[in-house]
Amino acid sequence: MLPLVSVIIPNYNHAPYLKERIDSVLSQTYKEFEVLILDDCSSDESKKIIESYRNNKHISNIVFNEKNTGNTFIQWNKGISLAKGKYIWIAESDDVAKPTFLERLVDELEKHPEAAFAFSHSHMIDQDSNVMKHDFNPGVQTGEAILWNSREFSINKMLKFNYVQNASMAIFRADLYPQIDSSYQNYRYCGDWAFWMYMAQKGKIIEVCDKLNFFRQHPNKVTNKSMSDGRRWRNQGPILKSFISLLELSKWQERCLRGRWARRLKHSELDNEQREEMRQLTPEIFGGNELDIICYEIGKLFGFLK
């Protein structure tokens, strides 16, 4: 018997993309799934679109919030609490998936019960669903599945940036969720980075080198403005600080990490006053000097944060 997948679609004002997203879920070649749609009090035509799917056999729950939470991760948590599946797929409401997405990732997780989650590579698409030149996964798409151990993946992939940059590209084991540190919900702009790092500590990770997901870029994305006004930087500092403790990094590794992020801050789009604010807020991450930056460059030569 095939395992059930719970597909959670958290939506807020994504009416222009919502039908394409829901249709791409319902068109999956893997058929053992339920769909839970959660709308965070949208002010556009989302409710009308969602209601048109109410009688579909795969739709198990539709929840319309009476008040906007302003936090997609709270919506994740709500959806997961209602889910009945062995696996969870957070299918963001502005993204799209190829029909074989679930079939491929479920198959890999079933073959590797020691894995906490599996993810595919992604195409970037614009607001009109055109594939963009910018590519997060520019390497050769071999179609192979790479099985990472937890520490190797965490240090080589997740410390530099959120390698699982889009929730829509991954599915995870539902029984692991209660073990995850719920603090990820406090970080509105990059809580997913903390979530996938915490999840990576619960088992191995499967990376499918095939672009089965379409990650949409459009002007209304929350992250577009959060970097330039410092909101995302305010989240990144404490998250990275928690990673140092979680991974028990050596003093040398801490210094290399501080050098990397100090350099990124130095060349960021923030003004001088904002940069100084970030240094003061999280000196362990952003307060590095030129020597720390040199340590980072040396560290790369030995494969750390390369």
Protein backbone atom coordinates (compact mmCIF):
# COMPACT_ATOMS: atom_id res chain seq x y z
CA MET A 1 0.00 0.00 0.00
CA LEU A 2 1.39 3.38 -1.00
CA PRO A 3 1.94 5.93 1.81
CA LEU A 4 -0.29 8.99 2.06
CA VAL A 5 1.23 12.41 1.41
CA SER A 6 -0.34 15.47 3.00
CA VAL A 7 0.01 18.46 0.68
CA ILE A 8 -0.32 21.76 2.54
CA ILE A 9 -0.97 24.87 0.42
CA PRO A 10 -0.60 28.01 2.58
CA ASN A 11 -1.95 31.00 0.65
CA TYR A 12 -2.06 34.75 1.07
CA ASN A 13 -3.05 36.98 -1.84
CA HIS A 14 -1.66 34.68 -4.54
CA ALA A 15 -4.82 34.56 -6.63
CA PRO A 16 -2.90 35.09 -9.93
CA TYR A 17 -0.90 31.89 -9.35
CA LEU A 18 -3.25 29.82 -7.21
CA LYS A 19 -5.09 27.86 -9.90
CA GLU A 20 -1.84 26.85 -11.60
CA ARG A 21 -0.45 25.74 -8.24
CA ILE A 22 -3.48 23.68 -7.20
CA ASP A 23 -3.78 22.10 -10.65
CA SER A 24 -0.12 21.09 -10.58
CA VAL A 25 -0.74 19.29 -7.28
CA LEU A 26 -3.90 17.56 -8.46
CA SER A 27 -2.10 16.45 -11.66
CA GLN A 28 0.61 14.50 -9.82
CA THR A 29 1.26 11.00 -11.17
CA TYR A 30 1.46 9.84 -7.55
CA LYS A 31 -2.18 9.65 -6.44
CA GLU A 32 -2.07 8.84 -2.72
CA PHE A 33 -2.33 12.35 -1.37
CA GLU A 34 -4.64 14.70 0.49
CA VAL A 35 -4.67 18.47 0.01
CA LEU A 36 -5.09 21.01 2.81
CA ILE A 37 -5.55 24.62 1.69
CA LEU A 38 -5.05 27.34 4.30
CA ASP A 39 -5.85 30.93 3.39
CA ASP A 40 -4.51 33.67 5.68
CA CYS A 41 -7.39 36.13 5.20
CA SER A 42 -6.56 37.08 1.60
CA SER A 43 -8.02 40.30 0.22
CA ASP A 44 -7.89 39.23 -3.45
CA GLU A 45 -9.88 36.59 -5.37
CA SER A 46 -8.19 33.67 -3.58
CA LYS A 47 -11.28 32.52 -1.68
CA LYS A 48 -13.35 32.20 -4.86
CA ILE A 49 -10.61 30.14 -6.54
CA ILE A 50 -10.16 27.89 -3.50
CA GLU A 51 -13.91 27.28 -3.16
CA SER A 52 -14.04 26.04 -6.76
CA TYR A 53 -11.96 23.02 -5.65
CA ARG A 54 -13.95 22.16 -2.52
CA ASN A 55 -15.60 19.06 -3.99
CA ASN A 56 -12.42 17.55 -5.39
CA LYS A 57 -11.83 14.11 -3.87
CA HIS A 58 -8.27 14.99 -2.85
CA ILE A 59 -9.22 18.10 -0.87
CA SER A 60 -9.43 17.08 2.80
CA ASN A 61 -9.41 20.51 4.48
CA ILE A 62 -9.99 24.14 3.54
CA VAL A 63 -9.35 26.68 6.29
CA PHE A 64 -10.03 30.40 5.90
CA ASN A 65 -8.53 32.50 8.69
CA GLU A 66 -10.75 35.24 10.04
CA LYS A 67 -7.68 37.27 10.95
CA ASN A 68 -4.35 37.51 9.14
CA THR A 69 -1.46 35.92 11.05
CA GLY A 70 1.20 37.62 8.94
CA ASN A 71 3.42 34.55 9.24
CA THR A 72 3.48 31.67 6.77
CA PHE A 73 5.27 29.43 9.29
CA ILE A 74 2.31 29.62 11.66
CA GLN A 75 0.24 28.43 8.72
CA TRP A 76 2.68 25.56 8.15
CA ASN A 77 2.21 24.48 11.74
CA LYS A 78 -1.56 24.66 11.50
CA GLY A 79 -1.60 22.58 8.32
CA ILE A 80 0.75 19.96 9.75
CA SER A 81 -1.48 19.62 12.83
CA LEU A 82 -4.37 18.65 10.51
CA ALA A 83 -2.33 16.38 8.24
CA LYS A 84 -2.84 12.61 8.19
CA GLY A 85 -0.03 11.61 5.83
CA LYS A 86 3.26 9.82 6.37
CA TYR A 87 4.95 12.59 4.39
CA ILE A 88 4.37 16.35 4.28
CA TRP A 89 4.74 18.61 1.26
CA ILE A 90 4.51 22.37 1.87
CA ALA A 91 3.42 23.42 -1.63
CA GLU A 92 3.72 27.21 -1.57
CA SER A 93 0.77 28.84 -3.32
CA ASP A 94 2.78 30.76 -5.94
CA ASP A 95 4.95 27.83 -7.09
CA VAL A 96 4.39 24.94 -9.53
CA ALA A 97 5.52 21.30 -9.70
CA LYS A 98 6.14 18.84 -12.49
CA PRO A 99 3.67 15.91 -12.49
CA THR A 100 6.37 13.45 -11.37
CA PHE A 101 7.54 15.49 -8.35
CA LEU A 102 5.79 13.43 -5.67
CA GLU A 103 6.33 10.09 -7.37
CA ARG A 104 10.09 10.60 -7.50
CA LEU A 105 10.58 11.99 -3.99
CA VAL A 106 8.28 9.50 -2.26
CA ASP A 107 10.08 6.65 -4.01
CA GLU A 108 13.45 7.90 -2.74
CA LEU A 109 12.19 8.29 0.84
CA GLU A 110 10.64 4.83 0.79
CA LYS A 111 13.99 3.39 -0.33
CA HIS A 112 15.82 5.26 2.45
CA PRO A 113 13.86 5.14 5.72
CA GLU A 114 16.89 6.65 7.47
CA ALA A 115 16.36 9.92 5.57
CA ALA A 116 14.49 12.83 7.18
CA PHE A 117 13.58 14.58 3.94
CA ALA A 118 14.10 14.62 0.19
CA PHE A 119 14.26 17.57 -2.18
CA SER A 120 14.59 18.17 -5.90
CA HIS A 121 16.28 20.96 -7.80
CA SER A 122 14.28 23.93 -9.09
CA HIS A 123 13.74 26.12 -12.10
CA MET A 124 13.19 29.81 -11.41
CA ILE A 125 10.08 31.19 -13.15
CA ASP A 126 8.72 34.71 -13.45
CA GLN A 127 5.21 35.93 -12.72
CA ASP A 128 4.09 34.71 -16.17
CA SER A 129 5.53 31.21 -15.60
CA ASN A 130 8.45 31.73 -17.97
CA VAL A 131 11.68 29.96 -16.97
CA MET A 132 14.25 32.59 -15.99
CA LYS A 133 17.91 32.71 -16.96
CA HIS A 134 18.95 32.94 -13.31
CA ASP A 135 19.35 29.43 -12.00
CA PHE A 136 19.83 28.34 -8.39
CA ASN A 137 20.94 24.85 -9.50
CA PRO A 138 23.18 25.56 -12.51
CA GLY A 139 25.02 22.23 -12.47
CA VAL A 140 24.39 19.31 -14.77
CA GLN A 141 21.06 17.67 -13.99
CA THR A 142 22.00 14.01 -13.89
CA GLY A 143 18.75 12.79 -12.38
CA GLU A 144 20.72 10.93 -9.70
CA ALA A 145 19.81 10.98 -6.02
CA ILE A 146 22.59 11.96 -3.59
CA LEU A 147 22.28 10.62 -0.03
CA TRP A 148 23.89 13.09 2.38
CA ASN A 149 24.71 12.41 6.00
CA SER A 150 23.42 15.01 8.43
CA ARG A 151 26.64 16.79 9.45
CA GLU A 152 28.14 16.88 5.95
CA PHE A 153 24.96 18.40 4.52
CA SER A 154 24.54 20.84 7.40
CA ILE A 155 28.07 22.22 7.21
CA ASN A 156 28.73 22.03 3.46
CA LYS A 157 25.32 23.18 2.28
CA MET A 158 23.28 24.87 4.99
CA LEU A 159 25.79 27.12 6.79
CA LYS A 160 26.47 29.27 3.73
CA PHE A 161 22.80 29.89 2.91
CA ASN A 162 19.53 28.00 2.84
CA TYR A 163 20.26 25.31 0.27
CA VAL A 164 16.63 24.19 0.43
CA GLN A 165 15.67 27.68 -0.67
CA ASN A 166 12.04 26.89 -1.48
CA ALA A 167 9.75 24.72 0.68
CA SER A 168 7.92 23.57 -2.45
CA MET A 169 10.98 21.59 -3.54
CA ALA A 170 10.95 19.19 -0.56
CA ILE A 171 8.90 16.61 1.32
CA PHE A 172 9.64 15.37 4.84
CA ARG A 173 8.59 12.67 7.29
CA ALA A 174 5.60 13.81 9.34
CA ASP A 175 6.61 11.85 12.44
CA LEU A 176 9.77 13.97 12.79
CA TYR A 177 7.95 17.27 12.96
CA PRO A 178 7.14 17.13 16.72
CA GLN A 179 10.88 16.80 17.35
CA ILE A 180 11.71 20.05 15.52
CA ASP A 181 12.53 23.20 17.50
CA SER A 182 9.44 25.37 17.04
CA SER A 183 11.49 28.59 17.24
CA TYR A 184 11.67 28.59 13.43
CA GLN A 185 8.16 30.07 13.51
CA ASN A 186 9.54 33.24 15.14
CA TYR A 187 11.64 34.14 12.10
CA ARG A 188 9.18 35.49 9.58
CA TYR A 189 11.67 36.14 6.78
CA CYS A 190 13.92 33.08 6.90
CA GLY A 191 12.34 30.64 9.32
CA ASP A 192 12.47 28.02 6.60
CA TRP A 193 16.29 28.10 6.79
CA ALA A 194 16.11 27.21 10.49
CA PHE A 195 13.42 24.61 9.80
CA TRP A 196 15.44 22.67 7.20
CA MET A 197 18.60 22.87 9.32
CA TYR A 198 16.72 21.45 12.32
CA MET A 199 15.13 18.78 10.13
CA ALA A 200 18.57 17.87 8.74
CA GLN A 201 19.66 16.86 12.25
CA LYS A 202 16.97 14.12 12.32
CA GLY A 203 18.39 11.85 9.62
CA LYS A 204 20.02 11.69 6.22
CA ILE A 205 19.01 13.96 3.36
CA ILE A 206 18.21 13.01 -0.24
CA GLU A 207 19.06 15.50 -2.99
CA VAL A 208 17.45 14.63 -6.34
CA CYS A 209 19.44 16.26 -9.14
CA ASP A 210 16.44 16.85 -11.37
CA LYS A 211 14.44 20.07 -11.71
CA LEU A 212 10.98 18.94 -10.66
CA ASN A 213 9.98 22.21 -8.99
CA PHE A 214 9.31 25.72 -10.32
CA PHE A 215 10.17 28.48 -7.82
CA ARG A 216 8.29 31.64 -8.77
CA GLN A 217 9.80 35.12 -8.51
CA HIS A 218 7.45 38.09 -8.55
CA PRO A 219 7.25 41.66 -7.15
CA ASN A 220 4.97 40.74 -4.23
CA LYS A 221 7.30 38.22 -2.59
CA VAL A 222 7.95 39.07 1.07
CA THR A 223 11.69 38.41 0.71
CA ASN A 224 12.18 41.01 -2.03
CA LYS A 225 12.08 43.95 0.38
CA SER A 226 13.26 42.22 3.54
CA MET A 227 16.95 42.23 2.53
CA SER A 228 17.16 45.92 1.61
CA ASP A 229 15.46 47.20 4.78
CA GLY A 230 17.36 44.89 7.15
CA ARG A 231 14.47 42.70 8.32
CA ARG A 232 15.95 39.52 6.92
CA TRP A 233 19.40 40.37 8.27
CA ARG A 234 17.86 40.67 11.75
CA ASN A 235 16.59 37.10 11.38
CA GLN A 236 19.77 35.69 9.90
CA GLY A 237 22.01 36.72 12.79
CA PRO A 238 20.29 34.78 15.61
CA ILE A 239 19.59 31.84 13.30
CA LEU A 240 23.27 31.50 12.42
CA LYS A 241 24.18 31.92 16.08
CA SER A 242 21.91 28.97 16.91
CA PHE A 243 23.59 26.91 14.17
CA ILE A 244 26.99 27.39 15.84
CA SER A 245 25.65 25.76 18.98
CA LEU A 246 23.61 23.13 17.16
CA LEU A 247 26.57 21.90 15.11
CA GLU A 248 29.17 22.37 17.88
CA LEU A 249 31.49 24.28 15.57
CA SER A 250 35.14 24.69 16.55
CA LYS A 251 36.50 28.17 17.33
CA TRP A 252 38.24 28.14 13.94
CA GLN A 253 35.02 27.29 12.16
CA GLU A 254 33.18 29.98 14.11
CA ARG A 255 35.76 32.51 12.99
CA CYS A 256 35.49 31.44 9.36
CA LEU A 257 31.71 31.70 9.55
CA ARG A 258 31.94 35.15 11.12
CA GLY A 259 34.34 36.21 8.38
CA ARG A 260 31.99 35.06 5.64
CA TRP A 261 28.98 36.90 7.03
CA ALA A 262 30.95 40.01 7.96
CA ARG A 263 32.09 40.21 4.35
CA ARG A 264 28.55 39.69 3.06
CA LEU A 265 27.31 42.45 5.36
CA LYS A 266 30.13 44.74 4.23
CA HIS A 267 29.07 44.37 0.60
CA SER A 268 25.33 44.32 1.26
CA GLU A 269 22.73 46.81 0.07
CA LEU A 270 22.32 48.17 3.62
CA ASP A 271 23.53 51.65 4.49
CA ASN A 272 26.30 52.21 7.04
CA GLU A 273 23.88 52.82 9.90
CA GLN A 274 22.01 49.59 9.20
CA ARG A 275 25.25 47.61 8.95
CA GLU A 276 26.39 48.90 12.31
CA GLU A 277 23.02 47.95 13.79
CA MET A 278 23.48 44.36 12.58
CA ARG A 279 27.02 44.21 14.00
CA GLN A 280 25.73 45.36 17.36
CA LEU A 281 22.75 42.97 17.33
CA THR A 282 24.75 39.82 16.55
CA PRO A 283 28.51 40.49 16.85
CA GLU A 284 29.20 36.73 16.87
CA ILE A 285 28.03 36.63 13.25
CA PHE A 286 28.34 40.10 11.72
CA GLY A 287 31.03 41.65 13.90
CA GLY A 288 34.02 40.13 12.14
CA ASN A 289 37.12 42.13 11.17
CA GLU A 290 39.49 41.84 8.20
CA LEU A 291 41.40 39.03 9.91
CA ASP A 292 38.17 37.02 10.23
CA ILE A 293 37.54 37.54 6.53
CA ILE A 294 41.06 36.25 5.76
CA CYS A 295 40.34 33.22 7.96
CA TYR A 296 37.23 32.60 5.92
CA GLU A 297 39.25 32.66 2.68
CA ILE A 298 41.77 30.24 4.19
CA GLY A 299 38.96 28.03 5.42
CA LYS A 300 37.60 27.75 1.89
CA LEU A 301 40.94 26.41 0.72
CA PHE A 302 40.48 23.51 3.16
CA GLY A 303 36.88 22.92 2.06
CA PHE A 304 35.03 24.75 4.86
CA LEU A 305 32.28 27.08 3.60
CA LYS A 306 33.65 26.66 0.09
